[in-house]
C-alpha cells in the first residue's frame, strides 16, 4: 500500500493545526472537567497535514482518555535549529516502567491500569510512531506511574530548505531583472 508511505507535504502552521484539532476534542475534555492548556508559538513545518493530524489526534484523544476528572493536559510546541517538538503531557494515570518499552507495539493492550480503564490504545500509538517516522521523526514517552505521562514527537526542522528556496528565488529574480535591463538598453 504505497498510498500510506507517500507524503503530500505543504507548509503548515503547527499552532493553528493543534488548536483546530483540540477544538474538536474540547467537549470530551469538558465532560471530564479536564483543563487543556497551551504553550504554543507559530512554527511552520513541512508536513503532510492529513497524516500529521492523525498523530496529534491520537496523542490528544489518548491524553483525554487516560486523564481523570479535573486533570490537566498541556500541549507545547517548540523548536531548535534541527528539530521541531510537540509535547503532550497529562497528569493522568501514567505508564509503568516495564510497559513503556511495549507501548508502541501494534495492538498492544497494556496489562495495567491503562487497559482496565479503556481498551484500544494499541493501534493508535503504533500509527503515531509510523506516521512520525514517515516524516523523518521519532516519538518518545516519559512517565511517572500514577502521576503523569508526556509524549513527545520530534520532526526535522526543514527551515534550512526554505532559506535555500529563498536564495534560489532571489537568484532567478536577479536574472529577470538583468534581462529587463538588457532589453531596456536595446529599446532606449
C-alpha atoms as a PDB file:
ATOM      1  CA  UNK A   1       0.000   0.000   0.000  1.00  0.00           C
ATOM      2  CA  UNK A   2       2.116   2.848  -1.299  1.00  0.00           C
ATOM      3  CA  UNK A   3      -0.513   5.458  -0.563  1.00  0.00           C
ATOM      4  CA  UNK A   4       0.340   5.099   3.137  1.00  0.00           C
ATOM      5  CA  UNK A   5       4.005   5.850   2.535  1.00  0.00           C
ATOM      6  CA  UNK A   6       3.686   8.921   0.392  1.00  0.00           C
ATOM      7  CA  UNK A   7       3.690  12.331   1.956  1.00  0.00           C
ATOM      8  CA  UNK A   8       1.770  15.171   0.423  1.00  0.00           C
ATOM      9  CA  UNK A   9       3.776  17.921   2.096  1.00  0.00           C
ATOM     10  CA  UNK A  10       2.940  21.559   2.476  1.00  0.00           C
ATOM     11  CA  UNK A  11       3.941  24.385   4.786  1.00  0.00           C
ATOM     12  CA  UNK A  12       1.681  24.118   7.826  1.00  0.00           C
ATOM     13  CA  UNK A  13       1.357  26.335  10.877  1.00  0.00           C
ATOM     14  CA  UNK A  14       1.521  23.795  13.722  1.00  0.00           C
ATOM     15  CA  UNK A  15      -0.032  26.169  16.223  1.00  0.00           C
ATOM     16  CA  UNK A  16      -3.173  26.531  14.107  1.00  0.00           C
ATOM     17  CA  UNK A  17      -3.259  22.820  13.316  1.00  0.00           C
ATOM     18  CA  UNK A  18      -3.113  21.877  17.000  1.00  0.00           C
ATOM     19  CA  UNK A  19      -5.702  24.461  18.018  1.00  0.00           C
ATOM     20  CA  UNK A  20      -8.119  23.203  15.360  1.00  0.00           C
ATOM     21  CA  UNK A  21      -7.684  19.597  16.451  1.00  0.00           C
ATOM     22  CA  UNK A  22      -8.101  20.364  20.146  1.00  0.00           C
ATOM     23  CA  UNK A  23     -11.209  22.370  19.322  1.00  0.00           C
ATOM     24  CA  UNK A  24     -12.776  19.117  18.077  1.00  0.00           C
ATOM     25  CA  UNK A  25     -11.967  17.313  21.327  1.00  0.00           C
ATOM     26  CA  UNK A  26     -12.839  20.086  23.719  1.00  0.00           C
ATOM     27  CA  UNK A  27     -16.254  18.639  24.544  1.00  0.00           C
ATOM     28  CA  UNK A  28     -14.680  15.304  25.563  1.00  0.00           C
ATOM     29  CA  UNK A  29     -12.320  17.168  27.868  1.00  0.00           C
ATOM     30  CA  UNK A  30     -15.107  19.350  29.289  1.00  0.00           C
ATOM     31  CA  UNK A  31     -17.174  16.277  30.133  1.00  0.00           C
ATOM     32  CA  UNK A  32     -14.385  15.192  32.465  1.00  0.00           C
ATOM     33  CA  UNK A  33     -13.584  18.754  33.585  1.00  0.00           C
ATOM     34  CA  UNK A  34     -10.112  18.399  32.135  1.00  0.00           C
ATOM     35  CA  UNK A  35      -8.266  21.636  31.647  1.00  0.00           C
ATOM     36  CA  UNK A  36      -6.288  21.881  28.404  1.00  0.00           C
ATOM     37  CA  UNK A  37      -3.508  24.436  28.495  1.00  0.00           C
ATOM     38  CA  UNK A  38      -1.220  25.537  25.704  1.00  0.00           C
ATOM     39  CA  UNK A  39       2.298  26.675  25.269  1.00  0.00           C
ATOM     40  CA  UNK A  40       2.191  27.357  21.542  1.00  0.00           C
ATOM     41  CA  UNK A  41       4.130  29.570  19.168  1.00  0.00           C
ATOM     42  CA  UNK A  42       3.791  30.000  15.430  1.00  0.00           C
ATOM     43  CA  UNK A  43       6.027  27.335  13.977  1.00  0.00           C
ATOM     44  CA  UNK A  44       5.811  26.323  10.347  1.00  0.00           C
ATOM     45  CA  UNK A  45       6.632  22.757   9.399  1.00  0.00           C
ATOM     46  CA  UNK A  46       6.917  20.990   6.103  1.00  0.00           C
ATOM     47  CA  UNK A  47       4.466  18.135   6.716  1.00  0.00           C
ATOM     48  CA  UNK A  48       1.645  16.089   5.275  1.00  0.00           C
ATOM     49  CA  UNK A  49      -1.220  17.865   7.000  1.00  0.00           C
ATOM     50  CA  UNK A  50      -3.660  14.931   6.977  1.00  0.00           C
ATOM     51  CA  UNK A  51      -1.192  12.308   8.145  1.00  0.00           C
ATOM     52  CA  UNK A  52       0.393  14.526  10.765  1.00  0.00           C
ATOM     53  CA  UNK A  53      -3.037  15.495  12.064  1.00  0.00           C
ATOM     54  CA  UNK A  54      -3.609  11.815  12.866  1.00  0.00           C
ATOM     55  CA  UNK A  55      -0.515  11.871  15.074  1.00  0.00           C
ATOM     56  CA  UNK A  56      -1.824  14.818  17.078  1.00  0.00           C
ATOM     57  CA  UNK A  57      -5.386  13.487  17.211  1.00  0.00           C
ATOM     58  CA  UNK A  58      -4.134  10.201  18.682  1.00  0.00           C
ATOM     59  CA  UNK A  59      -1.978  11.867  21.317  1.00  0.00           C
ATOM     60  CA  UNK A  60      -4.693  14.279  22.398  1.00  0.00           C
ATOM     61  CA  UNK A  61      -7.500  11.723  22.489  1.00  0.00           C
ATOM     62  CA  UNK A  62      -5.273   9.310  24.445  1.00  0.00           C
ATOM     63  CA  UNK A  63      -4.364  12.038  26.913  1.00  0.00           C
ATOM     64  CA  UNK A  64      -8.055  12.809  27.480  1.00  0.00           C
ATOM     65  CA  UNK A  65      -8.855   9.107  27.778  1.00  0.00           C
ATOM     66  CA  UNK A  66      -6.216   8.461  30.443  1.00  0.00           C
ATOM     67  CA  UNK A  67      -6.612  11.619  32.478  1.00  0.00           C
ATOM     68  CA  UNK A  68      -9.021  11.542  35.391  1.00  0.00           C
ATOM     69  CA  UNK A  69     -11.645  14.135  36.134  1.00  0.00           C
ATOM     70  CA  UNK A  70     -10.299  17.608  36.896  1.00  0.00           C
ATOM     71  CA  UNK A  71      -6.991  16.668  35.342  1.00  0.00           C
ATOM     72  CA  UNK A  72      -4.781  18.838  33.188  1.00  0.00           C
ATOM     73  CA  UNK A  73      -3.326  18.354  29.711  1.00  0.00           C
ATOM     74  CA  UNK A  74      -0.624  20.636  28.423  1.00  0.00           C
ATOM     75  CA  UNK A  75       0.286  20.884  24.754  1.00  0.00           C
ATOM     76  CA  UNK A  76       3.540  22.542  23.883  1.00  0.00           C
ATOM     77  CA  UNK A  77       5.453  23.168  20.660  1.00  0.00           C
ATOM     78  CA  UNK A  78       8.960  24.490  20.372  1.00  0.00           C
ATOM     79  CA  UNK A  79      11.913  24.248  18.034  1.00  0.00           C
ATOM     80  CA  UNK A  80      15.657  24.313  17.901  1.00  0.00           C
ATOM     81  CA  UNK A  81      17.954  24.532  14.900  1.00  0.00           C
ATOM     82  CA  UNK A  82      17.431  20.921  13.866  1.00  0.00           C
ATOM     83  CA  UNK A  83      14.049  19.825  15.158  1.00  0.00           C
ATOM     84  CA  UNK A  84      10.500  20.787  15.949  1.00  0.00           C
ATOM     85  CA  UNK A  85       8.978  19.289  19.094  1.00  0.00           C
ATOM     86  CA  UNK A  86       5.369  18.700  20.041  1.00  0.00           C
ATOM     87  CA  UNK A  87       4.837  17.572  23.609  1.00  0.00           C
ATOM     88  CA  UNK A  88       1.530  16.395  25.036  1.00  0.00           C
ATOM     89  CA  UNK A  89       1.649  15.986  28.795  1.00  0.00           C
ATOM     90  CA  UNK A  90      -1.157  14.778  31.019  1.00  0.00           C
ATOM     91  CA  UNK A  91      -1.386  14.291  34.763  1.00  0.00           C
ATOM     92  CA  UNK A  92      -3.274  11.050  34.291  1.00  0.00           C
ATOM     93  CA  UNK A  93      -2.598   7.525  35.470  1.00  0.00           C
ATOM     94  CA  UNK A  94       0.855   7.165  33.958  1.00  0.00           C
ATOM     95  CA  UNK A  95       2.556   4.131  32.477  1.00  0.00           C
ATOM     96  CA  UNK A  96       4.689   1.719  34.432  1.00  0.00           C
ATOM     97  CA  UNK A  97       8.362   1.390  33.508  1.00  0.00           C
ATOM     98  CA  UNK A  98       8.055  -2.167  32.206  1.00  0.00           C
ATOM     99  CA  UNK A  99       5.247  -1.124  29.883  1.00  0.00           C
ATOM    100  CA  UNK A 100       6.877   1.947  28.367  1.00  0.00           C
ATOM    101  CA  UNK A 101       9.015  -0.233  26.085  1.00  0.00           C
ATOM    102  CA  UNK A 102       5.989  -2.149  24.863  1.00  0.00           C
ATOM    103  CA  UNK A 103       3.731   0.807  24.334  1.00  0.00           C
ATOM    104  CA  UNK A 104       4.327   1.291  20.603  1.00  0.00           C
ATOM    105  CA  UNK A 105       3.821  -2.371  19.739  1.00  0.00           C
ATOM    106  CA  UNK A 106       0.955  -2.991  17.366  1.00  0.00           C
ATOM    107  CA  UNK A 107      -2.308  -3.831  19.117  1.00  0.00           C
ATOM    108  CA  UNK A 108      -0.666  -3.811  22.490  1.00  0.00           C
ATOM    109  CA  UNK A 109      -3.182  -3.612  25.274  1.00  0.00           C
ATOM    110  CA  UNK A 110      -1.136  -2.901  28.313  1.00  0.00           C
ATOM    111  CA  UNK A 111      -1.820  -5.168  31.173  1.00  0.00           C
ATOM    112  CA  UNK A 112      -2.121  -2.447  33.782  1.00  0.00           C
ATOM    113  CA  UNK A 113      -4.401   0.441  34.700  1.00  0.00           C
ATOM    114  CA  UNK A 114      -4.483   1.707  31.142  1.00  0.00           C
ATOM    115  CA  UNK A 115      -6.175  -1.398  29.771  1.00  0.00           C
ATOM    116  CA  UNK A 116      -8.568  -1.591  32.694  1.00  0.00           C
ATOM    117  CA  UNK A 117      -9.663   1.996  32.202  1.00  0.00           C
ATOM    118  CA  UNK A 118     -10.011   1.910  28.422  1.00  0.00           C
ATOM    119  CA  UNK A 119      -9.134  -0.677  25.844  1.00  0.00           C
ATOM    120  CA  UNK A 120      -7.643   0.031  22.497  1.00  0.00           C
ATOM    121  CA  UNK A 121      -4.704   2.373  22.852  1.00  0.00           C
ATOM    122  CA  UNK A 122      -2.578  -0.122  20.924  1.00  0.00           C
ATOM    123  CA  UNK A 123      -3.215   0.636  17.272  1.00  0.00           C
ATOM    124  CA  UNK A 124      -3.201   4.382  17.941  1.00  0.00           C
ATOM    125  CA  UNK A 125       0.364   4.547  19.167  1.00  0.00           C
ATOM    126  CA  UNK A 126       1.826   2.267  16.507  1.00  0.00           C
ATOM    127  CA  UNK A 127       0.178   4.555  13.952  1.00  0.00           C
ATOM    128  CA  UNK A 128       1.596   7.622  15.707  1.00  0.00           C
ATOM    129  CA  UNK A 129       5.048   6.093  15.512  1.00  0.00           C
ATOM    130  CA  UNK A 130       4.732   5.003  11.871  1.00  0.00           C
ATOM    131  CA  UNK A 131       3.464   8.404  10.691  1.00  0.00           C
ATOM    132  CA  UNK A 132       6.102  10.268  12.674  1.00  0.00           C
ATOM    133  CA  UNK A 133       8.853   8.078  11.191  1.00  0.00           C
ATOM    134  CA  UNK A 134       7.429   8.756   7.749  1.00  0.00           C
ATOM    135  CA  UNK A 135       8.148  12.442   8.462  1.00  0.00           C
ATOM    136  CA  UNK A 136      11.725  11.544   9.421  1.00  0.00           C
ATOM    137  CA  UNK A 137      10.955  11.988  13.086  1.00  0.00           C
ATOM    138  CA  UNK A 138      10.555   9.971  16.249  1.00  0.00           C
ATOM    139  CA  UNK A 139       8.223   9.654  19.214  1.00  0.00           C
ATOM    140  CA  UNK A 140       9.333   9.264  22.798  1.00  0.00           C
ATOM    141  CA  UNK A 141       7.432   8.867  26.031  1.00  0.00           C
ATOM    142  CA  UNK A 142       8.258   9.619  29.628  1.00  0.00           C
ATOM    143  CA  UNK A 143       6.014   8.805  32.514  1.00  0.00           C
ATOM    144  CA  UNK A 144       5.826   8.682  36.257  1.00  0.00           C
ATOM    145  CA  UNK A 145       3.435   5.869  37.087  1.00  0.00           C
ATOM    146  CA  UNK A 146       0.363   7.248  38.805  1.00  0.00           C
ATOM    147  CA  UNK A 147       1.306  10.884  38.179  1.00  0.00           C
ATOM    148  CA  UNK A 148       1.913  11.962  34.610  1.00  0.00           C
ATOM    149  CA  UNK A 149       2.797  10.955  31.076  1.00  0.00           C
ATOM    150  CA  UNK A 150       4.408  13.012  28.338  1.00  0.00           C
ATOM    151  CA  UNK A 151       4.527  12.007  24.701  1.00  0.00           C
ATOM    152  CA  UNK A 152       6.973  13.952  22.600  1.00  0.00           C
ATOM    153  CA  UNK A 153       7.030  13.988  18.818  1.00  0.00           C
ATOM    154  CA  UNK A 154      10.194  15.274  17.185  1.00  0.00           C
ATOM    155  CA  UNK A 155      10.369  16.033  13.473  1.00  0.00           C
ATOM    156  CA  UNK A 156      13.175  17.611  11.446  1.00  0.00           C
ATOM    157  CA  UNK A 157      13.046  21.379  11.252  1.00  0.00           C
ATOM    158  CA  UNK A 158      13.221  21.840   7.492  1.00  0.00           C
ATOM    159  CA  UNK A 159      13.561  25.616   7.653  1.00  0.00           C
ATOM    160  CA  UNK A 160      17.025  25.436   6.069  1.00  0.00           C
ATOM    161  CA  UNK A 161      15.330  24.245   2.846  1.00  0.00           C
ATOM    162  CA  UNK A 162      13.070  27.280   2.943  1.00  0.00           C
ATOM    163  CA  UNK A 163      16.135  29.501   3.189  1.00  0.00           C
ATOM    164  CA  UNK A 164      17.624  27.689   0.193  1.00  0.00           C
ATOM    165  CA  UNK A 165      14.392  28.202  -1.712  1.00  0.00           C
ATOM    166  CA  UNK A 166      14.635  31.878  -0.914  1.00  0.00           C
ATOM    167  CA  UNK A 167      18.182  32.045  -2.249  1.00  0.00           C
ATOM    168  CA  UNK A 168      17.150  30.317  -5.473  1.00  0.00           C
ATOM    169  CA  UNK A 169      14.179  32.636  -5.901  1.00  0.00           C
ATOM    170  CA  UNK A 170      16.217  35.760  -5.388  1.00  0.00           C
ATOM    171  CA  UNK A 171      18.757  34.490  -7.938  1.00  0.00           C
ATOM    172  CA  UNK A 172      16.120  33.886 -10.574  1.00  0.00           C
ATOM    173  CA  UNK A 173      14.720  37.324  -9.792  1.00  0.00           C
ATOM    174  CA  UNK A 174      18.135  38.852 -10.439  1.00  0.00           C
ATOM    175  CA  UNK A 175      18.235  37.115 -13.765  1.00  0.00           C
ATOM    176  CA  UNK A 176      14.827  38.505 -14.751  1.00  0.00           C
ATOM    177  CA  UNK A 177      15.902  41.958 -13.645  1.00  0.00           C
ATOM    178  CA  UNK A 178      19.085  41.680 -15.702  1.00  0.00           C
ATOM    179  CA  UNK A 179      17.132  40.611 -18.765  1.00  0.00           C
ATOM    180  CA  UNK A 180      14.777  43.567 -18.350  1.00  0.00           C
ATOM    181  CA  UNK A 181      17.716  45.909 -18.016  1.00  0.00           C
ATOM    182  CA  UNK A 182      19.347  44.500 -21.145  1.00  0.00           C
ATOM    183  CA  UNK A 183      16.089  44.914 -23.052  1.00  0.00           C
ATOM    184  CA  UNK A 184      15.714  48.450 -21.872  1.00  0.00           C
ATOM    185  CA  UNK A 185      19.210  49.178 -23.229  1.00  0.00           C
ATOM    186  CA  UNK A 186      18.175  47.870 -26.620  1.00  0.00           C
ATOM    187  CA  UNK A 187      14.992  49.893 -26.696  1.00  0.00           C
ATOM    188  CA  UNK A 188      16.292  53.125 -25.312  1.00  0.00           C
END
